[in-house]
Amino acid sequence: MEKIVLEVEDSIAEKWRNASQELKNRVLLLFDIKLSKELIGDDNKAFEEYLEKLRNTMEQRGLTDDILNEILEED
């Protein structure tokens, strides 16, 4: 993975600094999926490949499909 820098409102930055690691991980995962979908656009095959790669990475970190689905359904 590679880090990028984004500008956000001061109040959001403060909340981010004070958020639990679990919340940060969930937000980063959702952001990563949303940003990827926007950047990949209508190329469904490329998006599916991205999701598969992400799924494998998350499983290595202990995030199962059940947990991922639970996070995605919260939206």
PDB file of N, CA and C in Angstrom:
ATOM      1  N   MET A   1       0.844  -1.181   0.000  1.00  0.00           N
ATOM      2  CA  MET A   1       0.000   0.000   0.000  1.00  0.00           C
ATOM      3  C   MET A   1       0.885   1.238   0.000  1.00  0.00           C
ATOM      4  N   GLU A   2       0.313   2.322  -0.444  1.00  0.00           N
ATOM      5  CA  GLU A   2       1.026   3.591  -0.502  1.00  0.00           C
ATOM      6  C   GLU A   2       0.196   4.651   0.202  1.00  0.00           C
ATOM      7  N   LYS A   3       0.843   5.546   0.895  1.00  0.00           N
ATOM      8  CA  LYS A   3       0.156   6.630   1.588  1.00  0.00           C
ATOM      9  C   LYS A   3      -0.088   7.778   0.623  1.00  0.00           C
ATOM     10  N   ILE A   4      -1.242   8.443   0.788  1.00  0.00           N
ATOM     11  CA  ILE A   4      -1.543   9.680   0.093  1.00  0.00           C
ATOM     12  C   ILE A   4      -1.989  10.686   1.141  1.00  0.00           C
ATOM     13  N   VAL A   5      -1.959  11.951   0.799  1.00  0.00           N
ATOM     14  CA  VAL A   5      -2.359  13.001   1.730  1.00  0.00           C
ATOM     15  C   VAL A   5      -3.607  13.668   1.181  1.00  0.00           C
ATOM     16  N   LEU A   6      -4.603  13.819   2.038  1.00  0.00           N
ATOM     17  CA  LEU A   6      -5.853  14.477   1.665  1.00  0.00           C
ATOM     18  C   LEU A   6      -6.114  15.628   2.626  1.00  0.00           C
ATOM     19  N   GLU A   7      -6.685  16.689   2.124  1.00  0.00           N
ATOM     20  CA  GLU A   7      -7.073  17.803   2.977  1.00  0.00           C
ATOM     21  C   GLU A   7      -8.521  17.620   3.415  1.00  0.00           C
ATOM     22  N   VAL A   8      -8.760  17.808   4.710  1.00  0.00           N
ATOM     23  CA  VAL A   8     -10.107  17.726   5.269  1.00  0.00           C
ATOM     24  C   VAL A   8     -10.314  18.918   6.199  1.00  0.00           C
ATOM     25  N   GLU A   9     -11.543  19.127   6.564  1.00  0.00           N
ATOM     26  CA  GLU A   9     -11.867  20.196   7.513  1.00  0.00           C
ATOM     27  C   GLU A   9     -11.146  19.947   8.835  1.00  0.00           C
ATOM     28  N   ASP A  10     -10.818  21.014   9.532  1.00  0.00           N
ATOM     29  CA  ASP A  10     -10.110  20.905  10.811  1.00  0.00           C
ATOM     30  C   ASP A  10     -10.845  19.998  11.797  1.00  0.00           C
ATOM     31  N   SER A  11     -12.161  20.133  11.851  1.00  0.00           N
ATOM     32  CA  SER A  11     -12.937  19.338  12.812  1.00  0.00           C
ATOM     33  C   SER A  11     -12.861  17.840  12.490  1.00  0.00           C
ATOM     34  N   ILE A  12     -12.813  17.510  11.203  1.00  0.00           N
ATOM     35  CA  ILE A  12     -12.691  16.108  10.795  1.00  0.00           C
ATOM     36  C   ILE A  12     -11.311  15.579  11.155  1.00  0.00           C
ATOM     37  N   ALA A  13     -10.285  16.379  10.925  1.00  0.00           N
ATOM     38  CA  ALA A  13      -8.913  15.976  11.266  1.00  0.00           C
ATOM     39  C   ALA A  13      -8.787  15.698  12.764  1.00  0.00           C
ATOM     40  N   GLU A  14      -9.405  16.544  13.577  1.00  0.00           N
ATOM     41  CA  GLU A  14      -9.350  16.340  15.026  1.00  0.00           C
ATOM     42  C   GLU A  14     -10.059  15.053  15.430  1.00  0.00           C
ATOM     43  N   LYS A  15     -11.235  14.820  14.845  1.00  0.00           N
ATOM     44  CA  LYS A  15     -11.970  13.587  15.153  1.00  0.00           C
ATOM     45  C   LYS A  15     -11.163  12.365  14.712  1.00  0.00           C
ATOM     46  N   TRP A  16     -10.483  12.489  13.578  1.00  0.00           N
ATOM     47  CA  TRP A  16      -9.659  11.375  13.081  1.00  0.00           C
ATOM     48  C   TRP A  16      -8.529  11.060  14.068  1.00  0.00           C
ATOM     49  N   ARG A  17      -7.863  12.105  14.539  1.00  0.00           N
ATOM     50  CA  ARG A  17      -6.760  11.899  15.484  1.00  0.00           C
ATOM     51  C   ARG A  17      -7.239  11.219  16.765  1.00  0.00           C
ATOM     52  N   ASN A  18      -8.476  11.481  17.161  1.00  0.00           N
ATOM     53  CA  ASN A  18      -9.008  10.931  18.402  1.00  0.00           C
ATOM     54  C   ASN A  18      -9.770   9.613  18.217  1.00  0.00           C
ATOM     55  N   ALA A  19      -9.923   9.156  16.986  1.00  0.00           N
ATOM     56  CA  ALA A  19     -10.681   7.937  16.714  1.00  0.00           C
ATOM     57  C   ALA A  19      -9.883   6.692  17.099  1.00  0.00           C
ATOM     58  N   SER A  20     -10.612   5.635  17.422  1.00  0.00           N
ATOM     59  CA  SER A  20      -9.956   4.366  17.737  1.00  0.00           C
ATOM     60  C   SER A  20      -9.336   3.776  16.466  1.00  0.00           C
ATOM     61  N   GLN A  21      -8.385   2.898  16.640  1.00  0.00           N
ATOM     62  CA  GLN A  21      -7.756   2.259  15.486  1.00  0.00           C
ATOM     63  C   GLN A  21      -8.771   1.429  14.715  1.00  0.00           C
ATOM     64  N   GLU A  22      -9.703   0.795  15.428  1.00  0.00           N
ATOM     65  CA  GLU A  22     -10.736  -0.002  14.765  1.00  0.00           C
ATOM     66  C   GLU A  22     -11.593   0.873  13.850  1.00  0.00           C
ATOM     67  N   LEU A  23     -11.997   2.033  14.341  1.00  0.00           N
ATOM     68  CA  LEU A  23     -12.797   2.951  13.525  1.00  0.00           C
ATOM     69  C   LEU A  23     -11.987   3.442  12.337  1.00  0.00           C
ATOM     70  N   LYS A  24     -10.721   3.793  12.558  1.00  0.00           N
ATOM     71  CA  LYS A  24      -9.866   4.244  11.459  1.00  0.00           C
ATOM     72  C   LYS A  24      -9.744   3.165  10.388  1.00  0.00           C
ATOM     73  N   ASN A  25      -9.567   1.921  10.809  1.00  0.00           N
ATOM     74  CA  ASN A  25      -9.462   0.823   9.836  1.00  0.00           C
ATOM     75  C   ASN A  25     -10.733   0.676   9.011  1.00  0.00           C
ATOM     76  N   ARG A  26     -11.884   0.792   9.661  1.00  0.00           N
ATOM     77  CA  ARG A  26     -13.160   0.678   8.949  1.00  0.00           C
ATOM     78  C   ARG A  26     -13.328   1.814   7.951  1.00  0.00           C
ATOM     79  N   VAL A  27     -13.013   3.034   8.385  1.00  0.00           N
ATOM     80  CA  VAL A  27     -13.143   4.201   7.510  1.00  0.00           C
ATOM     81  C   VAL A  27     -12.191   4.083   6.323  1.00  0.00           C
ATOM     82  N   LEU A  28     -10.964   3.677   6.583  1.00  0.00           N
ATOM     83  CA  LEU A  28      -9.988   3.528   5.505  1.00  0.00           C
ATOM     84  C   LEU A  28     -10.429   2.479   4.493  1.00  0.00           C
ATOM     85  N   LEU A  29     -10.985   1.388   4.974  1.00  0.00           N
ATOM     86  CA  LEU A  29     -11.469   0.349   4.072  1.00  0.00           C
ATOM     87  C   LEU A  29     -12.608   0.867   3.206  1.00  0.00           C
ATOM     88  N   LEU A  30     -13.572   1.527   3.812  1.00  0.00           N
ATOM     89  CA  LEU A  30     -14.694   2.072   3.050  1.00  0.00           C
ATOM     90  C   LEU A  30     -14.232   3.137   2.061  1.00  0.00           C
ATOM     91  N   PHE A  31     -13.306   3.996   2.498  1.00  0.00           N
ATOM     92  CA  PHE A  31     -12.776   5.032   1.627  1.00  0.00           C
ATOM     93  C   PHE A  31     -12.031   4.415   0.452  1.00  0.00           C
ATOM     94  N   ASP A  32     -11.238   3.403   0.733  1.00  0.00           N
ATOM     95  CA  ASP A  32     -10.468   2.738  -0.304  1.00  0.00           C
ATOM     96  C   ASP A  32     -11.392   2.136  -1.366  1.00  0.00           C
ATOM     97  N   ILE A  33     -12.455   1.485  -0.924  1.00  0.00           N
ATOM     98  CA  ILE A  33     -13.408   0.880  -1.859  1.00  0.00           C
ATOM     99  C   ILE A  33     -14.105   1.954  -2.682  1.00  0.00           C
ATOM    100  N   LYS A  34     -14.583   3.003  -2.031  1.00  0.00           N
ATOM    101  CA  LYS A  34     -15.295   4.081  -2.731  1.00  0.00           C
ATOM    102  C   LYS A  34     -14.386   4.797  -3.721  1.00  0.00           C
ATOM    103  N   LEU A  35     -13.183   5.137  -3.300  1.00  0.00           N
ATOM    104  CA  LEU A  35     -12.251   5.831  -4.176  1.00  0.00           C
ATOM    105  C   LEU A  35     -11.879   4.956  -5.367  1.00  0.00           C
ATOM    106  N   SER A  36     -11.663   3.691  -5.122  1.00  0.00           N
ATOM    107  CA  SER A  36     -11.323   2.772  -6.215  1.00  0.00           C
ATOM    108  C   SER A  36     -12.451   2.686  -7.221  1.00  0.00           C
ATOM    109  N   LYS A  37     -13.678   2.584  -6.740  1.00  0.00           N
ATOM    110  CA  LYS A  37     -14.831   2.499  -7.638  1.00  0.00           C
ATOM    111  C   LYS A  37     -14.935   3.755  -8.489  1.00  0.00           C
ATOM    112  N   GLU A  38     -14.721   4.910  -7.880  1.00  0.00           N
ATOM    113  CA  GLU A  38     -14.796   6.176  -8.614  1.00  0.00           C
ATOM    114  C   GLU A  38     -13.688   6.277  -9.663  1.00  0.00           C
ATOM    115  N   LEU A  39     -12.484   5.867  -9.298  1.00  0.00           N
ATOM    116  CA  LEU A  39     -11.353   5.989 -10.220  1.00  0.00           C
ATOM    117  C   LEU A  39     -11.365   4.932 -11.318  1.00  0.00           C
ATOM    118  N   ILE A  40     -11.849   3.750 -10.995  1.00  0.00           N
ATOM    119  CA  ILE A  40     -11.908   2.678 -11.995  1.00  0.00           C
ATOM    120  C   ILE A  40     -13.091   2.895 -12.930  1.00  0.00           C
ATOM    121  N   GLY A  41     -14.154   3.489 -12.406  1.00  0.00           N
ATOM    122  CA  GLY A  41     -15.316   3.804 -13.237  1.00  0.00           C
ATOM    123  C   GLY A  41     -16.108   2.574 -13.640  1.00  0.00           C
ATOM    124  N   ASP A  42     -16.444   2.493 -14.910  1.00  0.00           N
ATOM    125  CA  ASP A  42     -17.317   1.437 -15.411  1.00  0.00           C
ATOM    126  C   ASP A  42     -16.581   0.158 -15.789  1.00  0.00           C
ATOM    127  N   ASP A  43     -15.303   0.085 -15.535  1.00  0.00           N
ATOM    128  CA  ASP A  43     -14.525  -1.104 -15.859  1.00  0.00           C
ATOM    129  C   ASP A  43     -14.748  -2.144 -14.759  1.00  0.00           C
ATOM    130  N   ASN A  44     -15.842  -2.897 -14.892  1.00  0.00           N
ATOM    131  CA  ASN A  44     -16.228  -3.854 -13.858  1.00  0.00           C
ATOM    132  C   ASN A  44     -15.161  -4.911 -13.612  1.00  0.00           C
ATOM    133  N   LYS A  45     -14.515  -5.354 -14.674  1.00  0.00           N
ATOM    134  CA  LYS A  45     -13.493  -6.379 -14.513  1.00  0.00           C
ATOM    135  C   LYS A  45     -12.344  -5.861 -13.656  1.00  0.00           C
ATOM    136  N   ALA A  46     -11.893  -4.656 -13.929  1.00  0.00           N
ATOM    137  CA  ALA A  46     -10.801  -4.070 -13.152  1.00  0.00           C
ATOM    138  C   ALA A  46     -11.220  -3.880 -11.693  1.00  0.00           C
ATOM    139  N   PHE A  47     -12.471  -3.473 -11.463  1.00  0.00           N
ATOM    140  CA  PHE A  47     -12.948  -3.282 -10.096  1.00  0.00           C
ATOM    141  C   PHE A  47     -13.040  -4.615  -9.371  1.00  0.00           C
ATOM    142  N   GLU A  48     -13.516  -5.646 -10.049  1.00  0.00           N
ATOM    143  CA  GLU A  48     -13.591  -6.973  -9.437  1.00  0.00           C
ATOM    144  C   GLU A  48     -12.198  -7.493  -9.099  1.00  0.00           C
ATOM    145  N   GLU A  49     -11.232  -7.240  -9.975  1.00  0.00           N
ATOM    146  CA  GLU A  49      -9.845  -7.637  -9.691  1.00  0.00           C
ATOM    147  C   GLU A  49      -9.310  -6.890  -8.476  1.00  0.00           C
ATOM    148  N   TYR A  50      -9.631  -5.613  -8.399  1.00  0.00           N
ATOM    149  CA  TYR A  50      -9.219  -4.814  -7.251  1.00  0.00           C
ATOM    150  C   TYR A  50      -9.839  -5.378  -5.965  1.00  0.00           C
ATOM    151  N   LEU A  51     -11.136  -5.687  -5.998  1.00  0.00           N
ATOM    152  CA  LEU A  51     -11.805  -6.218  -4.812  1.00  0.00           C
ATOM    153  C   LEU A  51     -11.213  -7.554  -4.384  1.00  0.00           C
ATOM    154  N   GLU A  52     -10.873  -8.391  -5.331  1.00  0.00           N
ATOM    155  CA  GLU A  52     -10.276  -9.683  -5.006  1.00  0.00           C
ATOM    156  C   GLU A  52      -8.917  -9.483  -4.329  1.00  0.00           C
ATOM    157  N   LYS A  53      -8.128  -8.573  -4.849  1.00  0.00           N
ATOM    158  CA  LYS A  53      -6.826  -8.267  -4.262  1.00  0.00           C
ATOM    159  C   LYS A  53      -7.012  -7.707  -2.847  1.00  0.00           C
ATOM    160  N   LEU A  54      -7.989  -6.817  -2.691  1.00  0.00           N
ATOM    161  CA  LEU A  54      -8.285  -6.243  -1.387  1.00  0.00           C
ATOM    162  C   LEU A  54      -8.765  -7.327  -0.422  1.00  0.00           C
ATOM    163  N   ARG A  55      -9.621  -8.205  -0.883  1.00  0.00           N
ATOM    164  CA  ARG A  55     -10.132  -9.301  -0.059  1.00  0.00           C
ATOM    165  C   ARG A  55      -8.974 -10.152   0.469  1.00  0.00           C
ATOM    166  N   ASN A  56      -8.034 -10.483  -0.405  1.00  0.00           N
ATOM    167  CA  ASN A  56      -6.888 -11.290   0.010  1.00  0.00           C
ATOM    168  C   ASN A  56      -6.039 -10.561   1.051  1.00  0.00           C
ATOM    169  N   THR A  57      -5.811  -9.275   0.826  1.00  0.00           N
ATOM    170  CA  THR A  57      -5.029  -8.482   1.775  1.00  0.00           C
ATOM    171  C   THR A  57      -5.728  -8.418   3.124  1.00  0.00           C
ATOM    172  N   MET A  58      -7.036  -8.186   3.111  1.00  0.00           N
ATOM    173  CA  MET A  58      -7.783  -8.074   4.356  1.00  0.00           C
ATOM    174  C   MET A  58      -7.838  -9.409   5.096  1.00  0.00           C
ATOM    175  N   GLU A  59      -7.956 -10.512   4.376  1.00  0.00           N
ATOM    176  CA  GLU A  59      -7.955 -11.820   5.020  1.00  0.00           C
ATOM    177  C   GLU A  59      -6.624 -12.080   5.710  1.00  0.00           C
ATOM    178  N   GLN A  60      -5.541 -11.649   5.086  1.00  0.00           N
ATOM    179  CA  GLN A  60      -4.219 -11.806   5.705  1.00  0.00           C
ATOM    180  C   GLN A  60      -4.125 -11.006   6.993  1.00  0.00           C
ATOM    181  N   ARG A  61      -4.899  -9.946   7.077  1.00  0.00           N
ATOM    182  CA  ARG A  61      -4.901  -9.103   8.279  1.00  0.00           C
ATOM    183  C   ARG A  61      -5.992  -9.499   9.261  1.00  0.00           C
ATOM    184  N   GLY A  62      -6.708 -10.592   8.984  1.00  0.00           N
ATOM    185  CA  GLY A  62      -7.721 -11.087   9.902  1.00  0.00           C
ATOM    186  C   GLY A  62      -9.121 -10.568   9.655  1.00  0.00           C
ATOM    187  N   LEU A  63      -9.335  -9.852   8.566  1.00  0.00           N
ATOM    188  CA  LEU A  63     -10.661  -9.323   8.250  1.00  0.00           C
ATOM    189  C   LEU A  63     -11.359 -10.298   7.307  1.00  0.00           C
ATOM    190  N   THR A  64     -12.341 -11.019   7.812  1.00  0.00           N
ATOM    191  CA  THR A  64     -13.036 -12.037   7.017  1.00  0.00           C
ATOM    192  C   THR A  64     -14.112 -11.405   6.137  1.00  0.00           C
ATOM    193  N   ASP A  65     -14.632 -12.194   5.197  1.00  0.00           N
ATOM    194  CA  ASP A  65     -15.730 -11.728   4.347  1.00  0.00           C
ATOM    195  C   ASP A  65     -16.939 -11.323   5.186  1.00  0.00           C
ATOM    196  N   ASP A  66     -17.206 -12.075   6.262  1.00  0.00           N
ATOM    197  CA  ASP A  66     -18.348 -11.739   7.123  1.00  0.00           C
ATOM    198  C   ASP A  66     -18.179 -10.363   7.759  1.00  0.00           C
ATOM    199  N   ILE A  67     -16.986 -10.086   8.267  1.00  0.00           N
ATOM    200  CA  ILE A  67     -16.733  -8.778   8.867  1.00  0.00           C
ATOM    201  C   ILE A  67     -16.793  -7.678   7.816  1.00  0.00           C
ATOM    202  N   LEU A  68     -16.215  -7.944   6.655  1.00  0.00           N
ATOM    203  CA  LEU A  68     -16.253  -6.962   5.560  1.00  0.00           C
ATOM    204  C   LEU A  68     -17.693  -6.659   5.162  1.00  0.00           C
ATOM    205  N   ASN A  69     -18.519  -7.669   4.997  1.00  0.00           N
ATOM    206  CA  ASN A  69     -19.923  -7.454   4.628  1.00  0.00           C
ATOM    207  C   ASN A  69     -20.652  -6.661   5.710  1.00  0.00           C
ATOM    208  N   GLU A  70     -20.339  -6.948   6.945  1.00  0.00           N
ATOM    209  CA  GLU A  70     -20.951  -6.228   8.060  1.00  0.00           C
ATOM    210  C   GLU A  70     -20.598  -4.737   7.993  1.00  0.00           C
ATOM    211  N   ILE A  71     -19.331  -4.445   7.704  1.00  0.00           N
ATOM    212  CA  ILE A  71     -18.888  -3.054   7.583  1.00  0.00           C
ATOM    213  C   ILE A  71     -19.586  -2.373   6.421  1.00  0.00           C
ATOM    214  N   LEU A  72     -19.660  -3.049   5.283  1.00  0.00           N
ATOM    215  CA  LEU A  72     -20.272  -2.463   4.103  1.00  0.00           C
ATOM    216  C   LEU A  72     -21.768  -2.227   4.273  1.00  0.00           C
ATOM    217  N   GLU A  73     -22.426  -3.062   5.050  1.00  0.00           N
ATOM    218  CA  GLU A  73     -23.871  -2.920   5.271  1.00  0.00           C
ATOM    219  C   GLU A  73     -24.197  -1.793   6.216  1.00  0.00           C
ATOM    220  N   GLU A  74     -23.226  -1.321   6.999  1.00  0.00           N
ATOM    221  CA  GLU A  74     -23.453  -0.241   7.939  1.00  0.00           C
ATOM    222  C   GLU A  74     -23.769   1.071   7.250  1.00  0.00           C
ATOM    223  N   ASP A  75     -23.332   1.213   5.998  1.00  0.00           N
ATOM    224  CA  ASP A  75     -23.526   2.456   5.249  1.00  0.00           C
ATOM    225  C   ASP A  75     -24.961   2.645   4.962  1.00  0.00           C
TER     226      ASP A  75
END
